[in-house]
Amino acid sequence: MSDQPMEDNEIPAEIDFRNGVRGLHHISPGGRVLLPVSIERSVWEYFSGKAQQKGVDLSELLTDVLQRDIEINAALKVAPGLMQRFVG
């Protein structure tokens, strides 16, 4: 491969994959990953309705819900005895 800059519409004649890793994809910080998921109809209906009420995409709402769940789980790991105070 050459070190010469390429035009935007050019495809290189060869690509060096020697340092490549199968299945590893670069996702830029702040990038979005879109993938299909399977959820129960009642769950889809609930969150679809909530997204419509808030005027946001279903994907955006579910991302927010999952991020909050991650934060809650992380907080519980920091203070493992905290949950026992509420449960037991």
N, C-alpha and C. Protein backbone atom coordinates (compact mmCIF):
# COMPACT_ATOMS: atom_id res chain seq x y z
N MET A 1 0.85 -1.19 0.00
CA MET A 1 0.00 0.00 0.00
C MET A 1 0.88 1.23 0.00
N SER A 2 0.38 2.26 -0.58
CA SER A 2 1.14 3.50 -0.69
C SER A 2 0.74 4.44 0.43
N ASP A 3 1.62 5.38 0.72
CA ASP A 3 1.33 6.38 1.73
C ASP A 3 0.71 7.63 1.12
N GLN A 4 0.41 7.57 -0.17
CA GLN A 4 -0.16 8.71 -0.87
C GLN A 4 -1.63 8.87 -0.48
N PRO A 5 -2.09 10.11 -0.31
CA PRO A 5 -3.51 10.30 0.01
C PRO A 5 -4.38 9.83 -1.14
N MET A 6 -5.55 9.32 -0.80
CA MET A 6 -6.49 8.82 -1.79
C MET A 6 -7.61 9.84 -1.98
N GLU A 7 -8.18 9.82 -3.15
CA GLU A 7 -9.38 10.60 -3.38
C GLU A 7 -10.52 9.91 -2.64
N ASP A 8 -11.54 10.65 -2.29
CA ASP A 8 -12.66 10.08 -1.53
C ASP A 8 -13.33 8.91 -2.24
N ASN A 9 -13.34 8.91 -3.57
CA ASN A 9 -14.06 7.86 -4.28
C ASN A 9 -13.16 6.73 -4.75
N GLU A 10 -11.89 6.71 -4.34
CA GLU A 10 -10.97 5.65 -4.75
C GLU A 10 -10.97 4.51 -3.74
N ILE A 11 -10.85 3.31 -4.25
CA ILE A 11 -10.71 2.13 -3.41
C ILE A 11 -9.28 1.63 -3.60
N PRO A 12 -8.56 1.35 -2.51
CA PRO A 12 -7.18 0.88 -2.68
C PRO A 12 -7.13 -0.48 -3.36
N ALA A 13 -6.06 -0.71 -4.12
CA ALA A 13 -5.89 -1.98 -4.83
C ALA A 13 -5.71 -3.12 -3.84
N GLU A 14 -5.06 -2.86 -2.73
CA GLU A 14 -4.90 -3.88 -1.71
C GLU A 14 -5.02 -3.24 -0.33
N ILE A 15 -5.49 -4.02 0.62
CA ILE A 15 -5.66 -3.55 2.00
C ILE A 15 -4.89 -4.49 2.90
N ASP A 16 -4.14 -3.92 3.84
CA ASP A 16 -3.32 -4.71 4.76
C ASP A 16 -4.15 -5.10 5.98
N PHE A 17 -4.49 -6.38 6.08
CA PHE A 17 -5.28 -6.88 7.21
C PHE A 17 -4.43 -7.66 8.20
N ARG A 18 -3.12 -7.53 8.14
CA ARG A 18 -2.25 -8.33 9.02
C ARG A 18 -2.53 -8.08 10.50
N ASN A 19 -2.91 -6.89 10.87
CA ASN A 19 -3.18 -6.59 12.29
C ASN A 19 -4.68 -6.63 12.61
N GLY A 20 -5.45 -7.13 11.66
CA GLY A 20 -6.90 -7.19 11.85
C GLY A 20 -7.29 -8.30 12.82
N VAL A 21 -8.45 -8.12 13.45
CA VAL A 21 -8.99 -9.11 14.37
C VAL A 21 -10.40 -9.45 13.89
N ARG A 22 -10.64 -10.73 13.63
CA ARG A 22 -11.95 -11.16 13.13
C ARG A 22 -13.03 -10.82 14.15
N GLY A 23 -14.10 -10.20 13.67
CA GLY A 23 -15.23 -9.89 14.52
C GLY A 23 -15.09 -8.60 15.31
N LEU A 24 -13.93 -7.96 15.28
CA LEU A 24 -13.72 -6.72 16.03
C LEU A 24 -14.02 -5.54 15.12
N HIS A 25 -14.89 -4.69 15.53
CA HIS A 25 -15.28 -3.54 14.73
C HIS A 25 -15.03 -2.28 15.54
N HIS A 26 -14.52 -1.27 14.89
CA HIS A 26 -14.30 0.01 15.57
C HIS A 26 -15.60 0.79 15.62
N ILE A 27 -15.95 1.24 16.80
CA ILE A 27 -17.11 2.10 16.98
C ILE A 27 -16.59 3.38 17.60
N SER A 28 -16.71 4.46 16.89
CA SER A 28 -16.17 5.73 17.38
C SER A 28 -16.91 6.15 18.65
N PRO A 29 -16.23 6.91 19.52
CA PRO A 29 -16.89 7.41 20.73
C PRO A 29 -18.13 8.21 20.33
N GLY A 30 -19.21 7.93 20.97
CA GLY A 30 -20.46 8.61 20.65
C GLY A 30 -21.17 8.01 19.45
N GLY A 31 -20.57 6.97 18.86
CA GLY A 31 -21.18 6.33 17.71
C GLY A 31 -22.38 5.50 18.12
N ARG A 32 -23.26 5.23 17.18
CA ARG A 32 -24.45 4.43 17.46
C ARG A 32 -24.28 3.05 16.86
N VAL A 33 -24.75 2.06 17.59
CA VAL A 33 -24.75 0.69 17.11
C VAL A 33 -26.22 0.29 16.98
N LEU A 34 -26.61 -0.04 15.79
CA LEU A 34 -27.99 -0.43 15.55
C LEU A 34 -28.04 -1.93 15.34
N LEU A 35 -28.81 -2.63 16.18
CA LEU A 35 -28.93 -4.06 16.03
C LEU A 35 -30.34 -4.49 16.40
N PRO A 36 -30.80 -5.53 15.74
CA PRO A 36 -32.15 -6.00 16.03
C PRO A 36 -32.18 -6.75 17.37
N VAL A 37 -33.26 -6.61 18.08
CA VAL A 37 -33.45 -7.34 19.34
C VAL A 37 -34.84 -7.96 19.33
N SER A 38 -35.01 -8.98 20.11
CA SER A 38 -36.31 -9.61 20.26
C SER A 38 -36.82 -9.35 21.66
N ILE A 39 -38.01 -8.76 21.75
CA ILE A 39 -38.63 -8.51 23.06
C ILE A 39 -40.08 -8.96 22.97
N GLU A 40 -40.64 -9.19 24.13
CA GLU A 40 -42.05 -9.61 24.18
C GLU A 40 -42.94 -8.46 23.72
N ARG A 41 -44.06 -8.82 23.15
CA ARG A 41 -44.97 -7.82 22.60
C ARG A 41 -45.42 -6.82 23.66
N SER A 42 -45.73 -7.29 24.86
CA SER A 42 -46.21 -6.39 25.91
C SER A 42 -45.15 -5.36 26.28
N VAL A 43 -43.89 -5.78 26.27
CA VAL A 43 -42.79 -4.86 26.59
C VAL A 43 -42.66 -3.84 25.47
N TRP A 44 -42.73 -4.30 24.23
CA TRP A 44 -42.64 -3.40 23.09
C TRP A 44 -43.79 -2.38 23.13
N GLU A 45 -45.01 -2.86 23.42
CA GLU A 45 -46.16 -1.97 23.45
C GLU A 45 -45.99 -0.91 24.54
N TYR A 46 -45.52 -1.33 25.72
CA TYR A 46 -45.34 -0.40 26.83
C TYR A 46 -44.34 0.70 26.45
N PHE A 47 -43.16 0.30 26.01
CA PHE A 47 -42.11 1.28 25.72
C PHE A 47 -42.42 2.08 24.46
N SER A 48 -43.09 1.47 23.51
CA SER A 48 -43.48 2.19 22.30
C SER A 48 -44.45 3.32 22.66
N GLY A 49 -45.39 3.02 23.55
CA GLY A 49 -46.33 4.04 24.02
C GLY A 49 -45.63 5.15 24.78
N LYS A 50 -44.69 4.78 25.64
CA LYS A 50 -43.93 5.79 26.41
C LYS A 50 -43.12 6.69 25.48
N ALA A 51 -42.50 6.08 24.47
CA ALA A 51 -41.69 6.86 23.52
C ALA A 51 -42.58 7.84 22.77
N GLN A 52 -43.76 7.38 22.38
CA GLN A 52 -44.69 8.24 21.65
C GLN A 52 -45.15 9.40 22.54
N GLN A 53 -45.45 9.11 23.82
CA GLN A 53 -45.86 10.16 24.75
C GLN A 53 -44.78 11.22 24.92
N LYS A 54 -43.53 10.77 24.96
CA LYS A 54 -42.41 11.70 25.17
C LYS A 54 -41.95 12.35 23.87
N GLY A 55 -42.41 11.84 22.74
CA GLY A 55 -42.01 12.39 21.45
C GLY A 55 -40.58 12.06 21.07
N VAL A 56 -40.12 10.86 21.48
CA VAL A 56 -38.76 10.41 21.15
C VAL A 56 -38.83 9.08 20.43
N ASP A 57 -37.73 8.73 19.77
CA ASP A 57 -37.66 7.42 19.13
C ASP A 57 -37.63 6.32 20.17
N LEU A 58 -38.19 5.19 19.84
CA LEU A 58 -38.17 4.03 20.73
C LEU A 58 -36.73 3.66 21.09
N SER A 59 -35.85 3.70 20.11
CA SER A 59 -34.45 3.37 20.34
C SER A 59 -33.82 4.30 21.38
N GLU A 60 -34.12 5.58 21.28
CA GLU A 60 -33.58 6.55 22.23
C GLU A 60 -34.10 6.29 23.65
N LEU A 61 -35.39 6.00 23.77
CA LEU A 61 -35.97 5.72 25.08
C LEU A 61 -35.36 4.47 25.69
N LEU A 62 -35.26 3.40 24.89
CA LEU A 62 -34.69 2.16 25.42
C LEU A 62 -33.23 2.32 25.80
N THR A 63 -32.48 3.11 25.05
CA THR A 63 -31.09 3.39 25.40
C THR A 63 -31.02 4.10 26.75
N ASP A 64 -31.88 5.09 26.97
CA ASP A 64 -31.91 5.80 28.25
C ASP A 64 -32.25 4.87 29.40
N VAL A 65 -33.25 4.02 29.20
CA VAL A 65 -33.67 3.07 30.25
C VAL A 65 -32.52 2.11 30.58
N LEU A 66 -31.88 1.58 29.57
CA LEU A 66 -30.76 0.65 29.81
C LEU A 66 -29.57 1.34 30.46
N GLN A 67 -29.29 2.59 30.07
CA GLN A 67 -28.20 3.33 30.71
C GLN A 67 -28.49 3.56 32.19
N ARG A 68 -29.73 3.88 32.52
CA ARG A 68 -30.10 4.05 33.94
C ARG A 68 -29.95 2.75 34.70
N ASP A 69 -30.32 1.65 34.08
CA ASP A 69 -30.18 0.34 34.71
C ASP A 69 -28.70 0.04 34.99
N ILE A 70 -27.85 0.36 34.04
CA ILE A 70 -26.41 0.16 34.22
C ILE A 70 -25.91 1.00 35.39
N GLU A 71 -26.34 2.26 35.46
CA GLU A 71 -25.92 3.15 36.55
C GLU A 71 -26.39 2.62 37.90
N ILE A 72 -27.62 2.13 37.97
CA ILE A 72 -28.15 1.59 39.22
C ILE A 72 -27.35 0.37 39.66
N ASN A 73 -27.07 -0.53 38.71
CA ASN A 73 -26.28 -1.71 39.03
C ASN A 73 -24.87 -1.36 39.48
N ALA A 74 -24.28 -0.36 38.85
CA ALA A 74 -22.94 0.08 39.24
C ALA A 74 -22.97 0.67 40.66
N ALA A 75 -24.01 1.43 40.98
CA ALA A 75 -24.12 2.01 42.31
C ALA A 75 -24.31 0.92 43.36
N LEU A 76 -25.06 -0.11 43.04
CA LEU A 76 -25.27 -1.20 43.99
C LEU A 76 -23.99 -2.00 44.22
N LYS A 77 -23.15 -2.07 43.22
CA LYS A 77 -21.86 -2.76 43.40
C LYS A 77 -20.94 -1.97 44.31
N VAL A 78 -21.05 -0.64 44.26
CA VAL A 78 -20.23 0.21 45.12
C VAL A 78 -20.69 0.08 46.57
N ALA A 79 -21.99 -0.02 46.77
CA ALA A 79 -22.54 -0.13 48.13
C ALA A 79 -23.39 -1.40 48.21
N PRO A 80 -22.76 -2.59 48.27
CA PRO A 80 -23.53 -3.84 48.25
C PRO A 80 -24.48 -4.00 49.43
N GLY A 81 -24.17 -3.43 50.58
CA GLY A 81 -25.05 -3.55 51.74
C GLY A 81 -26.25 -2.66 51.69
N LEU A 82 -26.25 -1.72 50.75
CA LEU A 82 -27.34 -0.76 50.65
C LEU A 82 -28.66 -1.45 50.35
N MET A 83 -28.66 -2.40 49.45
CA MET A 83 -29.89 -3.09 49.07
C MET A 83 -30.47 -3.86 50.25
N GLN A 84 -29.63 -4.43 51.08
CA GLN A 84 -30.10 -5.20 52.23
C GLN A 84 -30.92 -4.32 53.18
N ARG A 85 -30.59 -3.05 53.29
CA ARG A 85 -31.34 -2.14 54.16
C ARG A 85 -32.78 -1.99 53.69
N PHE A 86 -32.99 -2.02 52.37
CA PHE A 86 -34.33 -1.83 51.83
C PHE A 86 -35.09 -3.15 51.77
N VAL A 87 -34.40 -4.24 51.54
CA VAL A 87 -35.05 -5.54 51.37
C VAL A 87 -35.27 -6.23 52.70
N GLY A 88 -34.25 -6.26 53.48
CA GLY A 88 -34.32 -7.10 54.65
C GLY A 88 -34.45 -6.36 55.90
